[in-house]
Every structure is written in C-alpha cells, then in structure tokens.
Amino acid sequence: TREEVLEALNKLPESLRIVLVFKEYAEMNYKEIGRVLGISEG
C-alpha cells in the first residue's frame, strides 16, 4: 500500500505533488504553502 501510494504520488506533476507533500506530510496550511511557492492561497 505504501509503495502504491508513493508510486502514484511520484506520477503526479511536480506542481501538484509538491503542494500535496507540503499539505499532507509537512502539515503546512494553505497560506504557508502559498508563501513558500509564491502563489495565492486560492
């Protein structure tokens, strides 16, 4: 299961993968992620 999730996660485009990593694994909020990536919270 872990391998399948990682495999699927690695198939995501980087712009989608990185926000998911920040949100789900780093437990950052939307505002923090936006500031790190230089994009809006929306």
PDB file of all heavy atoms in Angstrom:
ATOM      1  N   THR A   1       0.834  -1.201   0.000  1.00  0.00           N
ATOM      2  CA  THR A   1       0.000   0.000   0.000  1.00  0.00           C
ATOM      3  C   THR A   1       0.867   1.248   0.000  1.00  0.00           C
ATOM      4  O   THR A   1       0.621   2.186  -0.763  1.00  0.00           O
ATOM      5  CB  THR A   1      -0.939   0.000   1.221  1.00  0.00           C
ATOM      6  OG1 THR A   1      -1.729  -1.186   1.191  1.00  0.00           O
ATOM      7  CG2 THR A   1      -1.832   1.221   1.229  1.00  0.00           C
ATOM      8  N   ARG A   2       1.885   1.279   0.837  1.00  0.00           N
ATOM      9  CA  ARG A   2       2.795   2.421   0.899  1.00  0.00           C
ATOM     10  C   ARG A   2       3.483   2.616  -0.454  1.00  0.00           C
ATOM     11  O   ARG A   2       3.597   3.736  -0.940  1.00  0.00           O
ATOM     12  CB  ARG A   2       3.837   2.201   1.990  1.00  0.00           C
ATOM     13  CG  ARG A   2       4.731   3.407   2.223  1.00  0.00           C
ATOM     14  CD  ARG A   2       5.765   3.210   3.327  1.00  0.00           C
ATOM     15  NE  ARG A   2       5.236   2.642   4.544  1.00  0.00           N
ATOM     16  CZ  ARG A   2       5.639   1.475   5.071  1.00  0.00           C
ATOM     17  NH1 ARG A   2       6.571   0.766   4.495  1.00  0.00           N
ATOM     18  NH2 ARG A   2       5.098   1.026   6.185  1.00  0.00           N
ATOM     19  N   GLU A   3       3.910   1.529  -1.053  1.00  0.00           N
ATOM     20  CA  GLU A   3       4.581   1.623  -2.355  1.00  0.00           C
ATOM     21  C   GLU A   3       3.627   2.130  -3.431  1.00  0.00           C
ATOM     22  O   GLU A   3       4.016   2.928  -4.285  1.00  0.00           O
ATOM     23  CB  GLU A   3       5.155   0.265  -2.750  1.00  0.00           C
ATOM     24  CG  GLU A   3       6.365  -0.130  -1.931  1.00  0.00           C
ATOM     25  CD  GLU A   3       6.830  -1.552  -2.207  1.00  0.00           C
ATOM     26  OE1 GLU A   3       6.146  -2.290  -2.955  1.00  0.00           O
ATOM     27  OE2 GLU A   3       7.880  -1.925  -1.663  1.00  0.00           O
ATOM     28  N   GLU A   4       2.383   1.656  -3.384  1.00  0.00           N
ATOM     29  CA  GLU A   4       1.400   2.105  -4.367  1.00  0.00           C
ATOM     30  C   GLU A   4       1.129   3.602  -4.229  1.00  0.00           C
ATOM     31  O   GLU A   4       1.039   4.320  -5.215  1.00  0.00           O
ATOM     32  CB  GLU A   4       0.093   1.316  -4.221  1.00  0.00           C
ATOM     33  CG  GLU A   4       0.207  -0.117  -4.678  1.00  0.00           C
ATOM     34  CD  GLU A   4      -0.985  -0.962  -4.282  1.00  0.00           C
ATOM     35  OE1 GLU A   4      -1.864  -0.493  -3.528  1.00  0.00           O
ATOM     36  OE2 GLU A   4      -1.040  -2.118  -4.740  1.00  0.00           O
ATOM     37  N   VAL A   5       1.019   4.063  -2.996  1.00  0.00           N
ATOM     38  CA  VAL A   5       0.778   5.491  -2.767  1.00  0.00           C
ATOM     39  C   VAL A   5       1.982   6.298  -3.249  1.00  0.00           C
ATOM     40  O   VAL A   5       1.824   7.311  -3.936  1.00  0.00           O
ATOM     41  CB  VAL A   5       0.464   5.778  -1.282  1.00  0.00           C
ATOM     42  CG1 VAL A   5       0.462   7.276  -1.002  1.00  0.00           C
ATOM     43  CG2 VAL A   5      -0.875   5.167  -0.908  1.00  0.00           C
ATOM     44  N   LEU A   6       3.186   5.852  -2.911  1.00  0.00           N
ATOM     45  CA  LEU A   6       4.392   6.565  -3.361  1.00  0.00           C
ATOM     46  C   LEU A   6       4.513   6.537  -4.882  1.00  0.00           C
ATOM     47  O   LEU A   6       4.894   7.538  -5.499  1.00  0.00           O
ATOM     48  CB  LEU A   6       5.645   5.974  -2.715  1.00  0.00           C
ATOM     49  CG  LEU A   6       5.834   6.298  -1.239  1.00  0.00           C
ATOM     50  CD1 LEU A   6       7.037   5.554  -0.668  1.00  0.00           C
ATOM     51  CD2 LEU A   6       5.997   7.787  -1.031  1.00  0.00           C
ATOM     52  N   GLU A   7       4.195   5.397  -5.473  1.00  0.00           N
ATOM     53  CA  GLU A   7       4.233   5.287  -6.932  1.00  0.00           C
ATOM     54  C   GLU A   7       3.248   6.272  -7.564  1.00  0.00           C
ATOM     55  O   GLU A   7       3.590   6.996  -8.502  1.00  0.00           O
ATOM     56  CB  GLU A   7       3.875   3.858  -7.354  1.00  0.00           C
ATOM     57  CG  GLU A   7       3.860   3.638  -8.855  1.00  0.00           C
ATOM     58  CD  GLU A   7       3.404   2.231  -9.232  1.00  0.00           C
ATOM     59  OE1 GLU A   7       3.449   1.323  -8.376  1.00  0.00           O
ATOM     60  OE2 GLU A   7       2.995   2.046 -10.385  1.00  0.00           O
ATOM     61  N   ALA A   8       2.046   6.316  -7.031  1.00  0.00           N
ATOM     62  CA  ALA A   8       1.044   7.244  -7.557  1.00  0.00           C
ATOM     63  C   ALA A   8       1.461   8.686  -7.300  1.00  0.00           C
ATOM     64  O   ALA A   8       1.319   9.548  -8.174  1.00  0.00           O
ATOM     65  CB  ALA A   8      -0.323   6.961  -6.926  1.00  0.00           C
ATOM     66  N   LEU A   9       1.978   8.952  -6.120  1.00  0.00           N
ATOM     67  CA  LEU A   9       2.431  10.304  -5.779  1.00  0.00           C
ATOM     68  C   LEU A   9       3.534  10.756  -6.726  1.00  0.00           C
ATOM     69  O   LEU A   9       3.542  11.896  -7.192  1.00  0.00           O
ATOM     70  CB  LEU A   9       2.919  10.335  -4.327  1.00  0.00           C
ATOM     71  CG  LEU A   9       3.226  11.687  -3.715  1.00  0.00           C
ATOM     72  CD1 LEU A   9       1.968  12.558  -3.689  1.00  0.00           C
ATOM     73  CD2 LEU A   9       3.758  11.525  -2.307  1.00  0.00           C
ATOM     74  N   ASN A  10       4.450   9.862  -7.041  1.00  0.00           N
ATOM     75  CA  ASN A  10       5.553  10.204  -7.944  1.00  0.00           C
ATOM     76  C   ASN A  10       5.093  10.400  -9.386  1.00  0.00           C
ATOM     77  O   ASN A  10       5.810  11.007 -10.185  1.00  0.00           O
ATOM     78  CB  ASN A  10       6.653   9.151  -7.872  1.00  0.00           C
ATOM     79  CG  ASN A  10       7.425   9.234  -6.577  1.00  0.00           C
ATOM     80  OD1 ASN A  10       7.550  10.300  -5.988  1.00  0.00           O
ATOM     81  ND2 ASN A  10       7.923   8.105  -6.113  1.00  0.00           N
ATOM     82  N   LYS A  11       3.920   9.903  -9.725  1.00  0.00           N
ATOM     83  CA  LYS A  11       3.380  10.094 -11.076  1.00  0.00           C
ATOM     84  C   LYS A  11       2.696  11.452 -11.240  1.00  0.00           C
ATOM     85  O   LYS A  11       2.435  11.874 -12.357  1.00  0.00           O
ATOM     86  CB  LYS A  11       2.386   8.984 -11.422  1.00  0.00           C
ATOM     87  CG  LYS A  11       3.041   7.646 -11.703  1.00  0.00           C
ATOM     88  CD  LYS A  11       2.006   6.607 -12.071  1.00  0.00           C
ATOM     89  CE  LYS A  11       2.658   5.263 -12.354  1.00  0.00           C
ATOM     90  NZ  LYS A  11       1.663   4.241 -12.706  1.00  0.00           N
ATOM     91  N   LEU A  12       2.400  12.101 -10.125  1.00  0.00           N
ATOM     92  CA  LEU A  12       1.763  13.415 -10.197  1.00  0.00           C
ATOM     93  C   LEU A  12       2.738  14.437 -10.770  1.00  0.00           C
ATOM     94  O   LEU A  12       3.933  14.348 -10.522  1.00  0.00           O
ATOM     95  CB  LEU A  12       1.340  13.889  -8.802  1.00  0.00           C
ATOM     96  CG  LEU A  12       0.175  13.185  -8.138  1.00  0.00           C
ATOM     97  CD1 LEU A  12      -0.022  13.721  -6.721  1.00  0.00           C
ATOM     98  CD2 LEU A  12      -1.093  13.359  -8.938  1.00  0.00           C
ATOM     99  N   PRO A  13       2.233  15.416 -11.498  1.00  0.00           N
ATOM    100  CA  PRO A  13       3.109  16.510 -11.937  1.00  0.00           C
ATOM    101  C   PRO A  13       3.691  17.201 -10.703  1.00  0.00           C
ATOM    102  O   PRO A  13       3.050  17.256  -9.651  1.00  0.00           O
ATOM    103  CB  PRO A  13       2.164  17.460 -12.690  1.00  0.00           C
ATOM    104  CG  PRO A  13       0.930  16.674 -12.962  1.00  0.00           C
ATOM    105  CD  PRO A  13       0.860  15.576 -11.947  1.00  0.00           C
ATOM    106  N   GLU A  14       4.899  17.729 -10.836  1.00  0.00           N
ATOM    107  CA  GLU A  14       5.587  18.311  -9.679  1.00  0.00           C
ATOM    108  C   GLU A  14       4.763  19.392  -8.995  1.00  0.00           C
ATOM    109  O   GLU A  14       4.722  19.469  -7.771  1.00  0.00           O
ATOM    110  CB  GLU A  14       6.944  18.881 -10.091  1.00  0.00           C
ATOM    111  CG  GLU A  14       7.743  19.373  -8.910  1.00  0.00           C
ATOM    112  CD  GLU A  14       9.130  19.839  -9.278  1.00  0.00           C
ATOM    113  OE1 GLU A  14       9.718  19.289 -10.207  1.00  0.00           O
ATOM    114  OE2 GLU A  14       9.602  20.769  -8.620  1.00  0.00           O
ATOM    115  N   SER A  15       4.053  20.218  -9.772  1.00  0.00           N
ATOM    116  CA  SER A  15       3.278  21.307  -9.174  1.00  0.00           C
ATOM    117  C   SER A  15       2.171  20.776  -8.267  1.00  0.00           C
ATOM    118  O   SER A  15       1.823  21.414  -7.272  1.00  0.00           O
ATOM    119  CB  SER A  15       2.684  22.205 -10.255  1.00  0.00           C
ATOM    120  OG  SER A  15       1.767  21.478 -11.050  1.00  0.00           O
ATOM    121  N   LEU A  16       1.624  19.618  -8.586  1.00  0.00           N
ATOM    122  CA  LEU A  16       0.589  19.013  -7.743  1.00  0.00           C
ATOM    123  C   LEU A  16       1.212  18.200  -6.613  1.00  0.00           C
ATOM    124  O   LEU A  16       0.736  18.228  -5.479  1.00  0.00           O
ATOM    125  CB  LEU A  16      -0.332  18.122  -8.578  1.00  0.00           C
ATOM    126  CG  LEU A  16      -1.144  18.813  -9.670  1.00  0.00           C
ATOM    127  CD1 LEU A  16      -2.012  17.798 -10.406  1.00  0.00           C
ATOM    128  CD2 LEU A  16      -1.999  19.930  -9.102  1.00  0.00           C
ATOM    129  N   ARG A  17       2.287  17.477  -6.927  1.00  0.00           N
ATOM    130  CA  ARG A  17       2.932  16.626  -5.923  1.00  0.00           C
ATOM    131  C   ARG A  17       3.462  17.466  -4.762  1.00  0.00           C
ATOM    132  O   ARG A  17       3.257  17.117  -3.605  1.00  0.00           O
ATOM    133  CB  ARG A  17       4.066  15.828  -6.565  1.00  0.00           C
ATOM    134  CG  ARG A  17       4.762  14.898  -5.598  1.00  0.00           C
ATOM    135  CD  ARG A  17       5.819  14.017  -6.250  1.00  0.00           C
ATOM    136  NE  ARG A  17       6.878  14.809  -6.829  1.00  0.00           N
ATOM    137  CZ  ARG A  17       7.206  14.813  -8.114  1.00  0.00           C
ATOM    138  NH1 ARG A  17       6.560  14.040  -8.959  1.00  0.00           N
ATOM    139  NH2 ARG A  17       8.176  15.564  -8.569  1.00  0.00           N
ATOM    140  N   ILE A  18       4.101  18.585  -5.063  1.00  0.00           N
ATOM    141  CA  ILE A  18       4.752  19.354  -4.000  1.00  0.00           C
ATOM    142  C   ILE A  18       3.736  19.976  -3.043  1.00  0.00           C
ATOM    143  O   ILE A  18       3.948  19.990  -1.838  1.00  0.00           O
ATOM    144  CB  ILE A  18       5.737  20.395  -4.581  1.00  0.00           C
ATOM    145  CG1 ILE A  18       6.734  20.812  -3.507  1.00  0.00           C
ATOM    146  CG2 ILE A  18       5.042  21.595  -5.132  1.00  0.00           C
ATOM    147  CD1 ILE A  18       7.676  19.733  -3.095  1.00  0.00           C
ATOM    148  N   VAL A  19       2.578  20.442  -3.566  1.00  0.00           N
ATOM    149  CA  VAL A  19       1.574  21.006  -2.653  1.00  0.00           C
ATOM    150  C   VAL A  19       0.993  19.917  -1.762  1.00  0.00           C
ATOM    151  O   VAL A  19       0.700  20.157  -0.591  1.00  0.00           O
ATOM    152  CB  VAL A  19       0.443  21.783  -3.378  1.00  0.00           C
ATOM    153  CG1 VAL A  19       0.967  23.015  -4.056  1.00  0.00           C
ATOM    154  CG2 VAL A  19      -0.331  20.918  -4.321  1.00  0.00           C
ATOM    155  N   LEU A  20       0.833  18.723  -2.305  1.00  0.00           N
ATOM    156  CA  LEU A  20       0.309  17.608  -1.509  1.00  0.00           C
ATOM    157  C   LEU A  20       1.318  17.188  -0.442  1.00  0.00           C
ATOM    158  O   LEU A  20       0.934  16.909   0.701  1.00  0.00           O
ATOM    159  CB  LEU A  20      -0.030  16.427  -2.420  1.00  0.00           C
ATOM    160  CG  LEU A  20      -1.121  15.496  -1.957  1.00  0.00           C
ATOM    161  CD1 LEU A  20      -2.394  16.232  -1.602  1.00  0.00           C
ATOM    162  CD2 LEU A  20      -1.412  14.446  -2.998  1.00  0.00           C
ATOM    163  N   VAL A  21       2.587  17.166  -0.782  1.00  0.00           N
ATOM    164  CA  VAL A  21       3.621  16.838   0.202  1.00  0.00           C
ATOM    165  C   VAL A  21       3.622  17.880   1.315  1.00  0.00           C
ATOM    166  O   VAL A  21       3.651  17.537   2.498  1.00  0.00           O
ATOM    167  CB  VAL A  21       5.011  16.753  -0.469  1.00  0.00           C
ATOM    168  CG1 VAL A  21       6.129  16.747   0.565  1.00  0.00           C
ATOM    169  CG2 VAL A  21       5.100  15.513  -1.352  1.00  0.00           C
ATOM    170  N   PHE A  22       3.573  19.164   0.943  1.00  0.00           N
ATOM    171  CA  PHE A  22       3.547  20.221   1.955  1.00  0.00           C
ATOM    172  C   PHE A  22       2.303  20.113   2.831  1.00  0.00           C
ATOM    173  O   PHE A  22       2.372  20.257   4.044  1.00  0.00           O
ATOM    174  CB  PHE A  22       3.575  21.610   1.307  1.00  0.00           C
ATOM    175  CG  PHE A  22       4.925  22.027   0.783  1.00  0.00           C
ATOM    176  CD1 PHE A  22       5.025  23.030  -0.158  1.00  0.00           C
ATOM    177  CD2 PHE A  22       6.094  21.445   1.232  1.00  0.00           C
ATOM    178  CE1 PHE A  22       6.257  23.440  -0.634  1.00  0.00           C
ATOM    179  CE2 PHE A  22       7.334  21.844   0.772  1.00  0.00           C
ATOM    180  CZ  PHE A  22       7.418  22.847  -0.165  1.00  0.00           C
ATOM    181  N   LYS A  23       1.150  19.850   2.223  1.00  0.00           N
ATOM    182  CA  LYS A  23      -0.116  19.828   2.965  1.00  0.00           C
ATOM    183  C   LYS A  23      -0.240  18.579   3.842  1.00  0.00           C
ATOM    184  O   LYS A  23      -0.557  18.669   5.021  1.00  0.00           O
ATOM    185  CB  LYS A  23      -1.294  19.906   1.980  1.00  0.00           C
ATOM    186  CG  LYS A  23      -2.648  19.910   2.647  1.00  0.00           C
ATOM    187  CD  LYS A  23      -2.910  21.203   3.372  1.00  0.00           C
ATOM    188  CE  LYS A  23      -4.280  21.207   4.001  1.00  0.00           C
ATOM    189  NZ  LYS A  23      -4.299  21.945   5.243  1.00  0.00           N
ATOM    190  N   GLU A  24      -0.011  17.416   3.265  1.00  0.00           N
ATOM    191  CA  GLU A  24      -0.288  16.169   3.961  1.00  0.00           C
ATOM    192  C   GLU A  24       0.873  15.676   4.827  1.00  0.00           C
ATOM    193  O   GLU A  24       0.653  15.124   5.888  1.00  0.00           O
ATOM    194  CB  GLU A  24      -0.677  15.068   2.961  1.00  0.00           C
ATOM    195  CG  GLU A  24      -1.909  15.402   2.141  1.00  0.00           C
ATOM    196  CD  GLU A  24      -3.154  15.643   2.973  1.00  0.00           C
ATOM    197  OE1 GLU A  24      -3.275  15.088   4.083  1.00  0.00           O
ATOM    198  OE2 GLU A  24      -4.024  16.404   2.516  1.00  0.00           O
ATOM    199  N   TYR A  25       2.103  15.846   4.352  1.00  0.00           N
ATOM    200  CA  TYR A  25       3.235  15.299   5.087  1.00  0.00           C
ATOM    201  C   TYR A  25       3.920  16.343   5.967  1.00  0.00           C
ATOM    202  O   TYR A  25       4.344  16.042   7.061  1.00  0.00           O
ATOM    203  CB  TYR A  25       4.245  14.667   4.130  1.00  0.00           C
ATOM    204  CG  TYR A  25       3.675  13.478   3.410  1.00  0.00           C
ATOM    205  CD1 TYR A  25       3.361  13.540   2.058  1.00  0.00           C
ATOM    206  CD2 TYR A  25       3.437  12.283   4.080  1.00  0.00           C
ATOM    207  CE1 TYR A  25       2.828  12.448   1.395  1.00  0.00           C
ATOM    208  CE2 TYR A  25       2.900  11.190   3.428  1.00  0.00           C
ATOM    209  CZ  TYR A  25       2.603  11.276   2.079  1.00  0.00           C
ATOM    210  OH  TYR A  25       2.079  10.192   1.441  1.00  0.00           O
ATOM    211  N   ALA A  26       4.039  17.577   5.475  1.00  0.00           N
ATOM    212  CA  ALA A  26       4.670  18.634   6.274  1.00  0.00           C
ATOM    213  C   ALA A  26       3.645  19.342   7.146  1.00  0.00           C
ATOM    214  O   ALA A  26       4.008  20.164   7.978  1.00  0.00           O
ATOM    215  CB  ALA A  26       5.363  19.636   5.364  1.00  0.00           C
ATOM    216  N   GLU A  27       2.370  19.052   6.921  1.00  0.00           N
ATOM    217  CA  GLU A  27       1.267  19.611   7.701  1.00  0.00           C
ATOM    218  C   GLU A  27       1.270  21.141   7.702  1.00  0.00           C
ATOM    219  O   GLU A  27       1.016  21.774   8.715  1.00  0.00           O
ATOM    220  CB  GLU A  27       1.302  19.063   9.132  1.00  0.00           C
ATOM    221  CG  GLU A  27       1.143  17.555   9.181  1.00  0.00           C
ATOM    222  CD  GLU A  27       1.361  16.970  10.569  1.00  0.00           C
ATOM    223  OE1 GLU A  27       1.717  17.715  11.505  1.00  0.00           O
ATOM    224  OE2 GLU A  27       1.173  15.752  10.701  1.00  0.00           O
ATOM    225  N   MET A  28       1.566  21.707   6.544  1.00  0.00           N
ATOM    226  CA  MET A  28       1.547  23.166   6.401  1.00  0.00           C
ATOM    227  C   MET A  28       0.132  23.597   6.029  1.00  0.00           C
ATOM    228  O   MET A  28      -0.609  22.835   5.406  1.00  0.00           O
ATOM    229  CB  MET A  28       2.527  23.591   5.308  1.00  0.00           C
ATOM    230  CG  MET A  28       3.983  23.309   5.645  1.00  0.00           C
ATOM    231  SD  MET A  28       5.103  23.608   4.260  1.00  0.00           S
ATOM    232  CE  MET A  28       4.987  25.379   4.116  1.00  0.00           C
ATOM    233  N   ASN A  29      -0.229  24.828   6.372  1.00  0.00           N
ATOM    234  CA  ASN A  29      -1.539  25.315   5.968  1.00  0.00           C
ATOM    235  C   ASN A  29      -1.434  25.966   4.582  1.00  0.00           C
ATOM    236  O   ASN A  29      -0.340  26.165   4.051  1.00  0.00           O
ATOM    237  CB  ASN A  29      -2.133  26.263   7.024  1.00  0.00           C
ATOM    238  CG  ASN A  29      -1.334  27.532   7.201  1.00  0.00           C
ATOM    239  OD1 ASN A  29      -0.822  28.115   6.249  1.00  0.00           O
ATOM    240  ND2 ASN A  29      -1.227  27.982   8.437  1.00  0.00           N
ATOM    241  N   TYR A  30      -2.584  26.293   4.010  1.00  0.00           N
ATOM    242  CA  TYR A  30      -2.621  26.818   2.646  1.00  0.00           C
ATOM    243  C   TYR A  30      -1.824  28.114   2.512  1.00  0.00           C
ATOM    244  O   TYR A  30      -1.126  28.334   1.524  1.00  0.00           O
ATOM    245  CB  TYR A  30      -4.061  27.051   2.201  1.00  0.00           C
ATOM    246  CG  TYR A  30      -4.877  25.788   2.088  1.00  0.00           C
ATOM    247  CD1 TYR A  30      -6.013  25.593   2.863  1.00  0.00           C
ATOM    248  CD2 TYR A  30      -4.519  24.775   1.194  1.00  0.00           C
ATOM    249  CE1 TYR A  30      -6.768  24.430   2.767  1.00  0.00           C
ATOM    250  CE2 TYR A  30      -5.261  23.618   1.090  1.00  0.00           C
ATOM    251  CZ  TYR A  30      -6.387  23.449   1.879  1.00  0.00           C
ATOM    252  OH  TYR A  30      -7.119  22.307   1.768  1.00  0.00           O
ATOM    253  N   LYS A  31      -1.935  28.962   3.500  1.00  0.00           N
ATOM    254  CA  LYS A  31      -1.231  30.247   3.452  1.00  0.00           C
ATOM    255  C   LYS A  31       0.284  30.040   3.435  1.00  0.00           C
ATOM    256  O   LYS A  31       1.000  30.673   2.653  1.00  0.00           O
ATOM    257  CB  LYS A  31      -1.642  31.101   4.653  1.00  0.00           C
ATOM    258  CG  LYS A  31      -1.103  32.504   4.631  1.00  0.00           C
ATOM    259  CD  LYS A  31      -1.649  33.306   5.791  1.00  0.00           C
ATOM    260  CE  LYS A  31      -1.181  34.750   5.725  1.00  0.00           C
ATOM    261  NZ  LYS A  31      -1.739  35.540   6.824  1.00  0.00           N
ATOM    262  N   GLU A  32       0.765  29.144   4.292  1.00  0.00           N
ATOM    263  CA  GLU A  32       2.198  28.865   4.342  1.00  0.00           C
ATOM    264  C   GLU A  32       2.695  28.271   3.025  1.00  0.00           C
ATOM    265  O   GLU A  32       3.752  28.659   2.522  1.00  0.00           O
ATOM    266  CB  GLU A  32       2.506  27.890   5.490  1.00  0.00           C
ATOM    267  CG  GLU A  32       2.292  28.464   6.859  1.00  0.00           C
ATOM    268  CD  GLU A  32       2.376  27.429   7.961  1.00  0.00           C
ATOM    269  OE1 GLU A  32       2.030  26.236   7.717  1.00  0.00           O
ATOM    270  OE2 GLU A  32       2.760  27.809   9.078  1.00  0.00           O
ATOM    271  N   ILE A  33       1.923  27.359   2.479  1.00  0.00           N
ATOM    272  CA  ILE A  33       2.313  26.742   1.209  1.00  0.00           C
ATOM    273  C   ILE A  33       2.385  27.806   0.118  1.00  0.00           C
ATOM    274  O   ILE A  33       3.328  27.835  -0.680  1.00  0.00           O
ATOM    275  CB  ILE A  33       1.330  25.615   0.817  1.00  0.00           C
ATOM    276  CG1 ILE A  33       1.371  24.476   1.851  1.00  0.00           C
ATOM    277  CG2 ILE A  33       1.644  25.082  -0.579  1.00  0.00           C
ATOM    278  CD1 ILE A  33       0.257  23.469   1.713  1.00  0.00           C
ATOM    279  N   GLY A  34       1.393  28.682   0.092  1.00  0.00           N
ATOM    280  CA  GLY A  34       1.379  29.758  -0.898  1.00  0.00           C
ATOM    281  C   GLY A  34       2.598  30.649  -0.784  1.00  0.00           C
ATOM    282  O   GLY A  34       3.195  31.037  -1.795  1.00  0.00           O
ATOM    283  N   ARG A  35       2.987  30.964   0.440  1.00  0.00           N
ATOM    284  CA  ARG A  35       4.157  31.820   0.633  1.00  0.00           C
ATOM    285  C   ARG A  35       5.426  31.123   0.182  1.00  0.00           C
ATOM    286  O   ARG A  35       6.302  31.734  -0.418  1.00  0.00           O
ATOM    287  CB  ARG A  35       4.268  32.242   2.089  1.00  0.00           C
ATOM    288  CG  ARG A  35       3.149  33.230   2.463  1.00  0.00           C
ATOM    289  CD  ARG A  35       3.276  33.720   3.842  1.00  0.00           C
ATOM    290  NE  ARG A  35       4.352  34.728   3.900  1.00  0.00           N
ATOM    291  CZ  ARG A  35       4.753  35.288   5.014  1.00  0.00           C
ATOM    292  NH1 ARG A  35       4.182  34.970   6.154  1.00  0.00           N
ATOM    293  NH2 ARG A  35       5.720  36.178   5.011  1.00  0.00           N
ATOM    294  N   VAL A  36       5.543  29.832   0.461  1.00  0.00           N
ATOM    295  CA  VAL A  36       6.738  29.083   0.058  1.00  0.00           C
ATOM    296  C   VAL A  36       6.839  28.994  -1.464  1.00  0.00           C
ATOM    297  O   VAL A  36       7.902  29.184  -2.045  1.00  0.00           O
ATOM    298  CB  VAL A  36       6.731  27.657   0.670  1.00  0.00           C
ATOM    299  CG1 VAL A  36       7.799  26.789   0.041  1.00  0.00           C
ATOM    300  CG2 VAL A  36       6.923  27.748   2.172  1.00  0.00           C
ATOM    301  N   LEU A  37       5.699  28.733  -2.111  1.00  0.00           N
ATOM    302  CA  LEU A  37       5.708  28.530  -3.559  1.00  0.00           C
ATOM    303  C   LEU A  37       5.513  29.828  -4.346  1.00  0.00           C
ATOM    304  O   LEU A  37       5.635  29.827  -5.576  1.00  0.00           O
ATOM    305  CB  LEU A  37       4.624  27.515  -3.957  1.00  0.00           C
ATOM    306  CG  LEU A  37       4.802  26.106  -3.390  1.00  0.00           C
ATOM    307  CD1 LEU A  37       3.636  25.226  -3.789  1.00  0.00           C
ATOM    308  CD2 LEU A  37       6.116  25.496  -3.849  1.00  0.00           C
ATOM    309  N   GLY A  38       5.167  30.896  -3.656  1.00  0.00           N
ATOM    310  CA  GLY A  38       4.962  32.172  -4.337  1.00  0.00           C
ATOM    311  C   GLY A  38       3.675  32.211  -5.154  1.00  0.00           C
ATOM    312  O   GLY A  38       3.624  32.822  -6.213  1.00  0.00           O
ATOM    313  N   ILE A  39       2.639  31.523  -4.642  1.00  0.00           N
ATOM    314  CA  ILE A  39       1.335  31.516  -5.325  1.00  0.00           C
ATOM    315  C   ILE A  39       0.263  31.900  -4.302  1.00  0.00           C
ATOM    316  O   ILE A  39       0.506  31.894  -3.103  1.00  0.00           O
ATOM    317  CB  ILE A  39       1.022  30.144  -5.972  1.00  0.00           C
ATOM    318  CG1 ILE A  39       1.020  29.017  -4.931  1.00  0.00           C
ATOM    319  CG2 ILE A  39       2.008  29.837  -7.103  1.00  0.00           C
ATOM    320  CD1 ILE A  39       0.646  27.652  -5.470  1.00  0.00           C
ATOM    321  N   SER A  40      -0.931  32.200  -4.802  1.00  0.00           N
ATOM    322  CA  SER A  40      -2.007  32.613  -3.905  1.00  0.00           C
ATOM    323  C   SER A  40      -2.546  31.435  -3.101  1.00  0.00           C
ATOM    324  O   SER A  40      -2.418  30.277  -3.498  1.00  0.00           O
ATOM    325  CB  SER A  40      -3.147  33.242  -4.709  1.00  0.00           C
ATOM    326  OG  SER A  40      -3.829  32.242  -5.440  1.00  0.00           O
ATOM    327  N   GLU A  41      -3.166  31.759  -1.987  1.00  0.00           N
ATOM    328  CA  GLU A  41      -3.775  30.737  -1.137  1.00  0.00           C
ATOM    329  C   GLU A  41      -4.856  29.984  -1.908  1.00  0.00           C
ATOM    330  O   GLU A  41      -4.998  28.770  -1.789  1.00  0.00           O
ATOM    331  CB  GLU A  41      -4.349  31.414   0.107  1.00  0.00           C
ATOM    332  CG  GLU A  41      -4.766  30.481   1.192  1.00  0.00           C
ATOM    333  CD  GLU A  41      -5.219  31.205   2.455  1.00  0.00           C
ATOM    334  OE1 GLU A  41      -4.798  32.349   2.698  1.00  0.00           O
ATOM    335  OE2 GLU A  41      -6.019  30.597   3.198  1.00  0.00           O
ATOM    336  N   GLY A  42      -5.628  30.703  -2.719  1.00  0.00           N
ATOM    337  CA  GLY A  42      -6.664  30.073  -3.535  1.00  0.00           C
ATOM    338  C   GLY A  42      -6.078  29.088  -4.531  1.00  0.00           C
ATOM    339  O   GLY A  42      -6.631  28.005  -4.749  1.00  0.00           O
TER     340      GLY A  42
END
